[in-house]
Amino acid sequence: MIKYRDQKWGAKAPGADIHHELPIKHGRTNAMSNLFPLPRGLHQQTVTLAGFILINNGGINDLSHFVHNTLSGLKKLLNNNNQMKTISHEGEVGNVSCSFNAPIQSTEIEMFERENNIKLPEDYKAFLTLHNGARIYELIAEDDINIGGGLHLFSLDEVKEAQELELMEGLGIPIAHLLNDCYLILDTEKLKCGDPNYLNILEFTDLASPNLNFEIFLDRYIISQGEAFWSWPIYTAENYYRTR
């Protein structure tokens, strides 16, 4: 298959559409390395928002989610104590730790899905089969004491416990806790209707959608080194200094 980045690809592949190997809505760009020509009929009839494809040796294969790549990159930055330095607002440097649970069997995930009459999103299940829970960017004080914070991704047992919380009634499936009384929630209604932006954030009593799925949220959270990136658009050059 002629790559889009090759010059004069249009003449070599007439009747083709430009296909994004990884869609823009899932965090990718219009970089040449992410584009290639695909026969128009195949592109329009086979490629859907729910399923990524990858052209490889002329064949079409499923493209796995990038949760593994995100976590692998994070682990490469950790020292032997699973700690690393991070930089926060206005140059503040801190020390954080990360820890990861063992994976869970797919049969346990399937049992959870049956019990809740819901099909969990594939990117979230990909995480569970790597780690049945994790703690990302917990703060480490100067005396090397873990003071918590960061992102606590629940194990499935912890998900079940969180489902029993009164504030979770009717909101969906809570999968993580972060900041103060802030939860990540899978919106079951969005999942049932195939909405890819199924992740919600509950902050105190306010429920909001960052228009993301699980793996993009996790990717951005790690890239932003634990900052509340979803709130950044709120703060402008006009109001930022009044909120310091």
C-alpha atoms as a PDB file:
ATOM      1  CA  MET A   1       0.000   0.000   0.000  1.00  0.00           C
ATOM      2  CA  ILE A   2       1.429   3.350  -1.034  1.00  0.00           C
ATOM      3  CA  LYS A   3       1.886   5.581   1.984  1.00  0.00           C
ATOM      4  CA  TYR A   4       0.227   9.005   1.847  1.00  0.00           C
ATOM      5  CA  ARG A   5       3.521  10.631   2.711  1.00  0.00           C
ATOM      6  CA  ASP A   6       4.995   9.326  -0.574  1.00  0.00           C
ATOM      7  CA  GLN A   7       4.867  12.035  -3.196  1.00  0.00           C
ATOM      8  CA  LYS A   8       2.309  11.652  -6.009  1.00  0.00           C
ATOM      9  CA  TRP A   9       0.458   8.955  -4.063  1.00  0.00           C
ATOM     10  CA  GLY A  10      -2.823  10.085  -5.626  1.00  0.00           C
ATOM     11  CA  ALA A  11      -1.662   9.110  -9.089  1.00  0.00           C
ATOM     12  CA  LYS A  12      -0.585   5.693  -7.821  1.00  0.00           C
ATOM     13  CA  ALA A  13      -3.764   5.067  -5.814  1.00  0.00           C
ATOM     14  CA  PRO A  14      -6.710   6.586  -7.711  1.00  0.00           C
ATOM     15  CA  GLY A  15     -10.115   6.397  -6.094  1.00  0.00           C
ATOM     16  CA  ALA A  16      -8.648   6.262  -2.599  1.00  0.00           C
ATOM     17  CA  ASP A  17      -9.572   8.190   0.534  1.00  0.00           C
ATOM     18  CA  ILE A  18      -7.067   9.512   3.055  1.00  0.00           C
ATOM     19  CA  HIS A  19      -7.381   7.363   6.161  1.00  0.00           C
ATOM     20  CA  HIS A  20      -6.108   8.252   9.633  1.00  0.00           C
ATOM     21  CA  GLU A  21      -4.341   5.217  11.061  1.00  0.00           C
ATOM     22  CA  LEU A  22      -5.299   6.496  14.514  1.00  0.00           C
ATOM     23  CA  PRO A  23      -8.301   8.863  14.476  1.00  0.00           C
ATOM     24  CA  ILE A  24      -7.979  12.518  15.427  1.00  0.00           C
ATOM     25  CA  LYS A  25     -10.832  12.125  17.942  1.00  0.00           C
ATOM     26  CA  HIS A  26      -8.687   9.564  19.748  1.00  0.00           C
ATOM     27  CA  GLY A  27      -5.795  11.944  20.212  1.00  0.00           C
ATOM     28  CA  ARG A  28      -3.881  11.653  16.937  1.00  0.00           C
ATOM     29  CA  THR A  29      -2.975  14.255  14.299  1.00  0.00           C
ATOM     30  CA  ASN A  30      -2.777  14.925  10.570  1.00  0.00           C
ATOM     31  CA  ALA A  31       0.920  14.059  10.560  1.00  0.00           C
ATOM     32  CA  MET A  32       1.957  12.256   7.386  1.00  0.00           C
ATOM     33  CA  SER A  33       3.030   9.229   9.399  1.00  0.00           C
ATOM     34  CA  ASN A  34      -0.595   8.843  10.579  1.00  0.00           C
ATOM     35  CA  LEU A  35      -2.125   8.935   7.072  1.00  0.00           C
ATOM     36  CA  PHE A  36      -2.353   6.509   4.173  1.00  0.00           C
ATOM     37  CA  PRO A  37      -4.653   5.943   1.175  1.00  0.00           C
ATOM     38  CA  LEU A  38      -7.427   3.386   1.502  1.00  0.00           C
ATOM     39  CA  PRO A  39      -9.820   2.261  -1.276  1.00  0.00           C
ATOM     40  CA  ARG A  40     -12.887   4.488  -1.038  1.00  0.00           C
ATOM     41  CA  GLY A  41     -15.416   1.665  -0.779  1.00  0.00           C
ATOM     42  CA  LEU A  42     -13.481  -0.042   1.998  1.00  0.00           C
ATOM     43  CA  HIS A  43     -12.940   3.238   3.824  1.00  0.00           C
ATOM     44  CA  GLN A  44     -16.602   4.230   3.733  1.00  0.00           C
ATOM     45  CA  GLN A  45     -18.136   0.821   4.422  1.00  0.00           C
ATOM     46  CA  THR A  46     -15.649  -0.896   6.727  1.00  0.00           C
ATOM     47  CA  VAL A  47     -13.904   1.755   8.799  1.00  0.00           C
ATOM     48  CA  THR A  48     -16.102   2.856  11.718  1.00  0.00           C
ATOM     49  CA  LEU A  49     -15.640   5.168  14.678  1.00  0.00           C
ATOM     50  CA  ALA A  50     -15.743   2.180  17.002  1.00  0.00           C
ATOM     51  CA  GLY A  51     -13.037   0.146  15.295  1.00  0.00           C
ATOM     52  CA  PHE A  52      -9.523   1.212  14.347  1.00  0.00           C
ATOM     53  CA  ILE A  53      -7.723  -0.607  11.526  1.00  0.00           C
ATOM     54  CA  LEU A  54      -4.118  -0.952  10.544  1.00  0.00           C
ATOM     55  CA  ILE A  55      -2.792  -1.743   7.082  1.00  0.00           C
ATOM     56  CA  ASN A  56      -0.020  -4.283   7.495  1.00  0.00           C
ATOM     57  CA  ASN A  57       1.482  -6.270   4.620  1.00  0.00           C
ATOM     58  CA  GLY A  58      -1.671  -5.710   2.605  1.00  0.00           C
ATOM     59  CA  GLY A  59      -3.964  -7.138   5.274  1.00  0.00           C
ATOM     60  CA  ILE A  60      -6.405  -5.536   7.685  1.00  0.00           C
ATOM     61  CA  ASN A  61      -5.816  -6.281  11.356  1.00  0.00           C
ATOM     62  CA  ASP A  62      -7.327  -5.054  14.582  1.00  0.00           C
ATOM     63  CA  LEU A  63      -5.318  -2.248  16.130  1.00  0.00           C
ATOM     64  CA  SER A  64      -4.883  -2.658  19.856  1.00  0.00           C
ATOM     65  CA  HIS A  65      -5.484   0.206  22.248  1.00  0.00           C
ATOM     66  CA  PHE A  66      -2.522   2.250  23.453  1.00  0.00           C
ATOM     67  CA  VAL A  67      -3.046   1.802  27.211  1.00  0.00           C
ATOM     68  CA  HIS A  68      -0.049  -0.536  27.271  1.00  0.00           C
ATOM     69  CA  ASN A  69       2.182   2.017  25.531  1.00  0.00           C
ATOM     70  CA  THR A  70       1.131   4.789  27.922  1.00  0.00           C
ATOM     71  CA  LEU A  71       1.886   2.728  31.014  1.00  0.00           C
ATOM     72  CA  SER A  72       5.106   1.328  29.569  1.00  0.00           C
ATOM     73  CA  GLY A  73       6.341   4.855  28.924  1.00  0.00           C
ATOM     74  CA  LEU A  74       5.491   5.901  32.471  1.00  0.00           C
ATOM     75  CA  LYS A  75       7.296   2.908  33.979  1.00  0.00           C
ATOM     76  CA  LYS A  76      10.470   3.778  32.053  1.00  0.00           C
ATOM     77  CA  LEU A  77      10.635   7.065  33.984  1.00  0.00           C
ATOM     78  CA  LEU A  78      10.388   5.438  37.420  1.00  0.00           C
ATOM     79  CA  ASN A  79      13.466   4.702  39.518  1.00  0.00           C
ATOM     80  CA  ASN A  80      14.102   1.483  41.433  1.00  0.00           C
ATOM     81  CA  ASN A  81      11.677   2.656  44.133  1.00  0.00           C
ATOM     82  CA  ASN A  82       8.957   3.299  41.544  1.00  0.00           C
ATOM     83  CA  GLN A  83       9.317   7.033  42.122  1.00  0.00           C
ATOM     84  CA  MET A  84      10.007   9.982  39.837  1.00  0.00           C
ATOM     85  CA  LYS A  85      10.296  13.760  39.843  1.00  0.00           C
ATOM     86  CA  THR A  86       7.460  15.822  38.390  1.00  0.00           C
ATOM     87  CA  ILE A  87       7.041  19.485  37.597  1.00  0.00           C
ATOM     88  CA  SER A  88       3.821  21.256  38.520  1.00  0.00           C
ATOM     89  CA  HIS A  89       2.393  24.770  38.269  1.00  0.00           C
ATOM     90  CA  GLU A  90       4.916  27.573  37.875  1.00  0.00           C
ATOM     91  CA  GLY A  91       7.967  25.354  38.192  1.00  0.00           C
ATOM     92  CA  GLU A  92       7.137  23.540  41.437  1.00  0.00           C
ATOM     93  CA  VAL A  93       9.016  20.227  41.546  1.00  0.00           C
ATOM     94  CA  GLY A  94       7.744  17.257  43.526  1.00  0.00           C
ATOM     95  CA  ASN A  95       8.396  13.583  44.072  1.00  0.00           C
ATOM     96  CA  VAL A  96       5.723  10.978  43.303  1.00  0.00           C
ATOM     97  CA  SER A  97       5.351   7.214  43.294  1.00  0.00           C
ATOM     98  CA  CYS A  98       3.397   4.800  41.124  1.00  0.00           C
ATOM     99  CA  SER A  99       2.236   1.283  41.907  1.00  0.00           C
ATOM    100  CA  PHE A 100       0.444  -1.298  39.809  1.00  0.00           C
ATOM    101  CA  ASN A 101      -1.709  -4.278  40.737  1.00  0.00           C
ATOM    102  CA  ALA A 102      -1.451  -7.682  39.113  1.00  0.00           C
ATOM    103  CA  PRO A 103      -3.665  -8.314  36.055  1.00  0.00           C
ATOM    104  CA  ILE A 104      -7.117  -9.826  36.278  1.00  0.00           C
ATOM    105  CA  GLN A 105      -8.472 -12.793  34.355  1.00  0.00           C
ATOM    106  CA  SER A 106     -10.826 -12.068  31.476  1.00  0.00           C
ATOM    107  CA  THR A 107     -13.358 -14.452  33.059  1.00  0.00           C
ATOM    108  CA  GLU A 108     -13.658 -12.123  36.053  1.00  0.00           C
ATOM    109  CA  ILE A 109     -14.257  -9.172  33.748  1.00  0.00           C
ATOM    110  CA  GLU A 110     -16.955 -11.132  31.928  1.00  0.00           C
ATOM    111  CA  MET A 111     -18.606 -12.006  35.237  1.00  0.00           C
ATOM    112  CA  PHE A 112     -18.646  -8.325  36.230  1.00  0.00           C
ATOM    113  CA  GLU A 113     -20.236  -7.447  32.880  1.00  0.00           C
ATOM    114  CA  ARG A 114     -22.966 -10.052  33.384  1.00  0.00           C
ATOM    115  CA  GLU A 115     -23.653  -8.885  36.931  1.00  0.00           C
ATOM    116  CA  ASN A 116     -24.008  -5.274  35.765  1.00  0.00           C
ATOM    117  CA  ASN A 117     -25.684  -6.044  32.422  1.00  0.00           C
ATOM    118  CA  ILE A 118     -23.135  -3.859  30.658  1.00  0.00           C
ATOM    119  CA  LYS A 119     -20.346  -4.281  28.140  1.00  0.00           C
ATOM    120  CA  LEU A 120     -17.263  -2.528  29.487  1.00  0.00           C
ATOM    121  CA  PRO A 121     -15.285  -0.441  26.973  1.00  0.00           C
ATOM    122  CA  GLU A 122     -12.418  -2.271  25.315  1.00  0.00           C
ATOM    123  CA  ASP A 123      -9.737   0.243  26.337  1.00  0.00           C
ATOM    124  CA  TYR A 124     -10.721  -0.069  30.002  1.00  0.00           C
ATOM    125  CA  LYS A 125     -10.713  -3.866  29.770  1.00  0.00           C
ATOM    126  CA  ALA A 126      -7.266  -3.659  28.178  1.00  0.00           C
ATOM    127  CA  PHE A 127      -6.105  -1.823  31.306  1.00  0.00           C
ATOM    128  CA  LEU A 128      -7.601  -4.411  33.655  1.00  0.00           C
ATOM    129  CA  THR A 129      -5.858  -7.246  31.842  1.00  0.00           C
ATOM    130  CA  LEU A 130      -2.587  -5.390  32.420  1.00  0.00           C
ATOM    131  CA  HIS A 131      -3.273  -4.166  35.958  1.00  0.00           C
ATOM    132  CA  ASN A 132      -6.361  -4.734  38.071  1.00  0.00           C
ATOM    133  CA  GLY A 133      -5.967  -1.290  39.599  1.00  0.00           C
ATOM    134  CA  ALA A 134      -3.103   1.165  40.016  1.00  0.00           C
ATOM    135  CA  ARG A 135      -2.035   4.306  41.847  1.00  0.00           C
ATOM    136  CA  ILE A 136      -0.528   6.998  39.648  1.00  0.00           C
ATOM    137  CA  TYR A 137       1.446   9.985  40.968  1.00  0.00           C
ATOM    138  CA  GLU A 138       0.954   9.596  44.709  1.00  0.00           C
ATOM    139  CA  LEU A 139       2.800  12.389  46.518  1.00  0.00           C
ATOM    140  CA  ILE A 140       5.980  11.607  48.446  1.00  0.00           C
ATOM    141  CA  ALA A 141       6.916  14.058  51.234  1.00  0.00           C
ATOM    142  CA  GLU A 142      10.496  15.142  51.908  1.00  0.00           C
ATOM    143  CA  ASP A 143      10.811  12.519  54.661  1.00  0.00           C
ATOM    144  CA  ASP A 144       9.921   9.844  52.067  1.00  0.00           C
ATOM    145  CA  ILE A 145       6.412   9.345  53.464  1.00  0.00           C
ATOM    146  CA  ASN A 146       3.632   8.606  50.993  1.00  0.00           C
ATOM    147  CA  ILE A 147       0.909  11.212  51.573  1.00  0.00           C
ATOM    148  CA  GLY A 148      -1.491   9.998  48.899  1.00  0.00           C
ATOM    149  CA  GLY A 149      -3.179  12.024  46.232  1.00  0.00           C
ATOM    150  CA  GLY A 150      -2.833  11.350  42.540  1.00  0.00           C
ATOM    151  CA  LEU A 151      -5.050   8.951  40.629  1.00  0.00           C
ATOM    152  CA  HIS A 152      -6.326   5.771  42.289  1.00  0.00           C
ATOM    153  CA  LEU A 153      -7.572   3.411  39.598  1.00  0.00           C
ATOM    154  CA  PHE A 154      -9.811   0.886  41.317  1.00  0.00           C
ATOM    155  CA  SER A 155      -9.538  -2.871  41.153  1.00  0.00           C
ATOM    156  CA  LEU A 156     -12.806  -4.533  40.153  1.00  0.00           C
ATOM    157  CA  ASP A 157     -13.476  -5.345  43.813  1.00  0.00           C
ATOM    158  CA  GLU A 158     -12.980  -1.668  44.672  1.00  0.00           C
ATOM    159  CA  VAL A 159     -15.295  -0.736  41.802  1.00  0.00           C
ATOM    160  CA  LYS A 160     -17.984  -2.909  43.389  1.00  0.00           C
ATOM    161  CA  GLU A 161     -17.436  -1.220  46.760  1.00  0.00           C
ATOM    162  CA  ALA A 162     -17.656   2.253  45.208  1.00  0.00           C
ATOM    163  CA  GLN A 163     -20.894   1.292  43.464  1.00  0.00           C
ATOM    164  CA  GLU A 164     -22.471   0.945  46.902  1.00  0.00           C
ATOM    165  CA  LEU A 165     -21.772   4.599  47.769  1.00  0.00           C
ATOM    166  CA  GLU A 166     -24.947   6.624  48.008  1.00  0.00           C
ATOM    167  CA  LEU A 167     -23.589   9.446  45.854  1.00  0.00           C
ATOM    168  CA  MET A 168     -23.045   6.975  42.982  1.00  0.00           C
ATOM    169  CA  GLU A 169     -26.676   6.001  42.642  1.00  0.00           C
ATOM    170  CA  GLY A 170     -27.778   6.304  39.027  1.00  0.00           C
ATOM    171  CA  LEU A 171     -24.510   7.821  37.825  1.00  0.00           C
ATOM    172  CA  GLY A 172     -22.796   4.809  36.283  1.00  0.00           C
ATOM    173  CA  ILE A 173     -19.757   2.717  37.192  1.00  0.00           C
ATOM    174  CA  PRO A 174     -17.065   4.449  39.314  1.00  0.00           C
ATOM    175  CA  ILE A 175     -13.603   3.292  38.240  1.00  0.00           C
ATOM    176  CA  ALA A 176     -11.220   5.725  39.945  1.00  0.00           C
ATOM    177  CA  HIS A 177     -10.778   8.396  42.602  1.00  0.00           C
ATOM    178  CA  LEU A 178      -8.629  11.490  42.311  1.00  0.00           C
ATOM    179  CA  LEU A 179      -8.151  14.869  43.950  1.00  0.00           C
ATOM    180  CA  ASN A 180     -10.669  15.700  46.688  1.00  0.00           C
ATOM    181  CA  ASP A 181     -13.952  13.807  46.332  1.00  0.00           C
ATOM    182  CA  CYS A 182     -13.461  13.495  42.590  1.00  0.00           C
ATOM    183  CA  TYR A 183     -14.371  10.292  40.733  1.00  0.00           C
ATOM    184  CA  LEU A 184     -14.060   8.928  37.220  1.00  0.00           C
ATOM    185  CA  ILE A 185     -17.306   7.272  36.145  1.00  0.00           C
ATOM    186  CA  LEU A 186     -18.250   5.142  33.154  1.00  0.00           C
ATOM    187  CA  ASP A 187     -21.546   6.495  31.839  1.00  0.00           C
ATOM    188  CA  THR A 188     -23.524   3.298  31.240  1.00  0.00           C
ATOM    189  CA  GLU A 189     -26.133   5.039  29.091  1.00  0.00           C
ATOM    190  CA  LYS A 190     -23.434   6.356  26.755  1.00  0.00           C
ATOM    191  CA  LEU A 191     -21.841   2.916  26.606  1.00  0.00           C
ATOM    192  CA  LYS A 192     -25.140   1.288  25.659  1.00  0.00           C
ATOM    193  CA  CYS A 193     -25.710   3.726  22.806  1.00  0.00           C
ATOM    194  CA  GLY A 194     -22.123   3.521  21.546  1.00  0.00           C
ATOM    195  CA  ASP A 195     -21.018   7.041  22.500  1.00  0.00           C
ATOM    196  CA  PRO A 196     -17.168   6.930  22.526  1.00  0.00           C
ATOM    197  CA  ASN A 197     -16.987   9.883  24.960  1.00  0.00           C
ATOM    198  CA  TYR A 198     -18.327   7.741  27.774  1.00  0.00           C
ATOM    199  CA  LEU A 199     -16.150   8.985  30.644  1.00  0.00           C
ATOM    200  CA  ASN A 200     -17.599  11.402  33.213  1.00  0.00           C
ATOM    201  CA  ILE A 201     -15.967  13.247  36.111  1.00  0.00           C
ATOM    202  CA  LEU A 202     -17.851  13.686  39.373  1.00  0.00           C
ATOM    203  CA  GLU A 203     -16.407  16.520  41.429  1.00  0.00           C
ATOM    204  CA  PHE A 204     -18.246  16.873  44.716  1.00  0.00           C
ATOM    205  CA  THR A 205     -21.828  16.874  43.360  1.00  0.00           C
ATOM    206  CA  ASP A 206     -21.079  18.215  39.876  1.00  0.00           C
ATOM    207  CA  LEU A 207     -21.067  15.677  37.057  1.00  0.00           C
ATOM    208  CA  ALA A 208     -19.324  16.715  33.852  1.00  0.00           C
ATOM    209  CA  SER A 209     -18.066  15.098  30.675  1.00  0.00           C
ATOM    210  CA  PRO A 210     -14.508  15.867  29.480  1.00  0.00           C
ATOM    211  CA  ASN A 211     -15.464  14.325  26.097  1.00  0.00           C
ATOM    212  CA  LEU A 212     -12.927  11.526  26.474  1.00  0.00           C
ATOM    213  CA  ASN A 213     -12.699   7.789  26.849  1.00  0.00           C
ATOM    214  CA  PHE A 214     -10.623   5.986  29.480  1.00  0.00           C
ATOM    215  CA  GLU A 215      -7.352   5.569  27.632  1.00  0.00           C
ATOM    216  CA  ILE A 216      -7.185   9.149  26.364  1.00  0.00           C
ATOM    217  CA  PHE A 217      -7.897  10.454  29.866  1.00  0.00           C
ATOM    218  CA  LEU A 218      -5.162   8.229  31.325  1.00  0.00           C
ATOM    219  CA  ASP A 219      -2.719   9.222  28.595  1.00  0.00           C
ATOM    220  CA  ARG A 220      -3.305  12.937  29.164  1.00  0.00           C
ATOM    221  CA  TYR A 221      -3.246  12.602  32.942  1.00  0.00           C
ATOM    222  CA  ILE A 222       0.171  10.955  32.762  1.00  0.00           C
ATOM    223  CA  ILE A 223       1.498  13.449  30.204  1.00  0.00           C
ATOM    224  CA  SER A 224       0.321  16.377  32.360  1.00  0.00           C
ATOM    225  CA  GLN A 225       2.042  14.764  35.372  1.00  0.00           C
ATOM    226  CA  GLY A 226      -1.083  14.539  37.470  1.00  0.00           C
ATOM    227  CA  GLU A 227      -2.506  17.995  36.859  1.00  0.00           C
ATOM    228  CA  ALA A 228      -6.242  18.558  36.356  1.00  0.00           C
ATOM    229  CA  PHE A 229      -5.772  19.128  32.622  1.00  0.00           C
ATOM    230  CA  TRP A 230      -9.533  19.014  31.985  1.00  0.00           C
ATOM    231  CA  SER A 231      -9.944  22.290  33.895  1.00  0.00           C
ATOM    232  CA  TRP A 232      -7.182  24.201  32.093  1.00  0.00           C
ATOM    233  CA  PRO A 233      -9.519  25.947  29.594  1.00  0.00           C
ATOM    234  CA  ILE A 234     -11.301  27.579  32.539  1.00  0.00           C
ATOM    235  CA  TYR A 235      -8.232  29.609  33.468  1.00  0.00           C
ATOM    236  CA  THR A 236      -7.317  32.419  31.091  1.00  0.00           C
ATOM    237  CA  ALA A 237      -4.800  35.231  31.123  1.00  0.00           C
ATOM    238  CA  GLU A 238      -7.584  37.422  32.529  1.00  0.00           C
ATOM    239  CA  ASN A 239      -8.508  35.272  35.541  1.00  0.00           C
ATOM    240  CA  TYR A 240      -5.502  33.012  36.164  1.00  0.00           C
ATOM    241  CA  TYR A 241      -3.663  35.388  38.476  1.00  0.00           C
ATOM    242  CA  ARG A 242      -6.758  35.966  40.620  1.00  0.00           C
ATOM    243  CA  THR A 243      -6.968  32.223  41.341  1.00  0.00           C
ATOM    244  CA  ARG A 244      -3.376  31.723  42.526  1.00  0.00           C
END
